[in-house]
């Protein structure tokens, strides 16, 4: 995981949605290659309070992780939801 310090007395609870490849490499049936980690949700993330005034689809770089876009609505419990649109870590391998 990645730790970035956020003021414990002044933070915004957020939910992060990270996405990865839908299919894993290899042979076999489509359903056998589905990536169980293609969508990971981090429910208990926190962000700096300055994000409370964002508009839907505003984009931000979250430290050492990637670029995220604010969802069009704020989801359950009025928590802000962000979808990763670009990762800063690339695991692409050239054979």
Protein backbone atom coordinates (compact mmCIF):
# COMPACT_ATOMS: atom_id res chain seq x y z
CA UNK A 1 0.00 0.00 0.00
CA UNK A 2 0.86 3.63 -0.23
CA UNK A 3 0.75 6.01 2.70
CA UNK A 4 0.34 9.75 2.23
CA UNK A 5 -0.13 11.91 5.30
CA UNK A 6 -3.47 13.67 5.67
CA UNK A 7 -4.39 15.78 8.70
CA UNK A 8 -6.34 13.49 11.08
CA UNK A 9 -8.43 16.43 12.32
CA UNK A 10 -9.34 17.77 8.88
CA UNK A 11 -9.96 15.12 6.21
CA UNK A 12 -12.55 14.08 3.68
CA UNK A 13 -13.75 10.44 3.64
CA UNK A 14 -13.59 9.08 0.09
CA UNK A 15 -14.03 5.82 -1.78
CA UNK A 16 -11.48 4.90 -4.46
CA UNK A 17 -12.20 2.61 -7.39
CA UNK A 18 -9.12 1.01 -8.98
CA UNK A 19 -9.32 -0.94 -12.23
CA UNK A 20 -7.02 -3.48 -13.85
CA UNK A 21 -7.14 -5.71 -16.91
CA UNK A 22 -10.40 -7.64 -17.22
CA UNK A 23 -8.67 -10.77 -18.58
CA UNK A 24 -5.52 -12.47 -17.37
CA UNK A 25 -2.86 -13.65 -19.83
CA UNK A 26 -2.83 -17.26 -20.87
CA UNK A 27 -4.82 -19.86 -22.68
CA UNK A 28 -8.19 -21.21 -21.81
CA UNK A 29 -11.80 -20.30 -21.71
CA UNK A 30 -12.80 -16.65 -21.36
CA UNK A 31 -14.44 -17.26 -17.99
CA UNK A 32 -11.32 -19.03 -16.68
CA UNK A 33 -9.19 -15.96 -17.43
CA UNK A 34 -11.37 -13.33 -15.75
CA UNK A 35 -9.27 -11.23 -13.40
CA UNK A 36 -10.85 -11.27 -9.91
CA UNK A 37 -8.94 -8.06 -9.14
CA UNK A 38 -10.13 -6.09 -12.17
CA UNK A 39 -12.13 -3.77 -9.89
CA UNK A 40 -10.93 -3.05 -6.36
CA UNK A 41 -12.83 -0.68 -4.07
CA UNK A 42 -11.12 1.08 -1.15
CA UNK A 43 -14.01 2.15 1.10
CA UNK A 44 -12.08 3.76 3.95
CA UNK A 45 -9.71 6.11 2.15
CA UNK A 46 -9.27 9.73 3.17
CA UNK A 47 -8.20 12.78 1.21
CA UNK A 48 -7.38 16.41 1.86
CA UNK A 49 -10.36 18.60 2.67
CA UNK A 50 -9.75 20.83 -0.36
CA UNK A 51 -11.49 18.16 -2.46
CA UNK A 52 -14.86 18.93 -0.87
CA UNK A 53 -15.52 21.68 -3.44
CA UNK A 54 -14.89 19.60 -6.55
CA UNK A 55 -17.23 19.20 -9.48
CA UNK A 56 -18.14 15.86 -11.08
CA UNK A 57 -15.46 14.62 -13.48
CA UNK A 58 -12.73 16.91 -12.09
CA UNK A 59 -9.38 15.09 -12.29
CA UNK A 60 -6.59 14.83 -9.73
CA UNK A 61 -3.29 13.07 -9.26
CA UNK A 62 -3.22 11.17 -6.00
CA UNK A 63 0.33 10.86 -4.72
CA UNK A 64 2.30 7.88 -6.03
CA UNK A 65 -0.83 6.07 -7.22
CA UNK A 66 -2.33 7.61 -10.33
CA UNK A 67 -4.85 10.01 -11.76
CA UNK A 68 -8.45 9.85 -10.56
CA UNK A 69 -11.69 11.39 -11.79
CA UNK A 70 -14.52 12.39 -9.45
CA UNK A 71 -17.70 10.42 -10.10
CA UNK A 72 -20.78 12.27 -11.26
CA UNK A 73 -22.50 11.64 -7.93
CA UNK A 74 -21.29 11.19 -4.40
CA UNK A 75 -22.63 7.70 -3.83
CA UNK A 76 -23.72 6.15 -0.58
CA UNK A 77 -23.41 8.10 2.68
CA UNK A 78 -22.49 11.24 0.72
CA UNK A 79 -18.92 9.97 0.36
CA UNK A 80 -16.94 11.24 -2.57
CA UNK A 81 -16.08 8.54 -5.10
CA UNK A 82 -13.05 8.65 -7.38
CA UNK A 83 -12.29 6.34 -10.32
CA UNK A 84 -8.68 5.69 -11.33
CA UNK A 85 -8.22 6.71 -14.95
CA UNK A 86 -4.40 6.36 -15.27
CA UNK A 87 -1.99 4.42 -13.09
CA UNK A 88 1.47 5.73 -12.25
CA UNK A 89 2.70 2.15 -11.88
CA UNK A 90 2.97 0.16 -15.08
CA UNK A 91 3.46 -3.57 -14.90
CA UNK A 92 3.65 -3.99 -18.70
CA UNK A 93 6.43 -6.43 -19.60
CA UNK A 94 8.15 -6.74 -22.96
CA UNK A 95 9.02 -10.37 -23.75
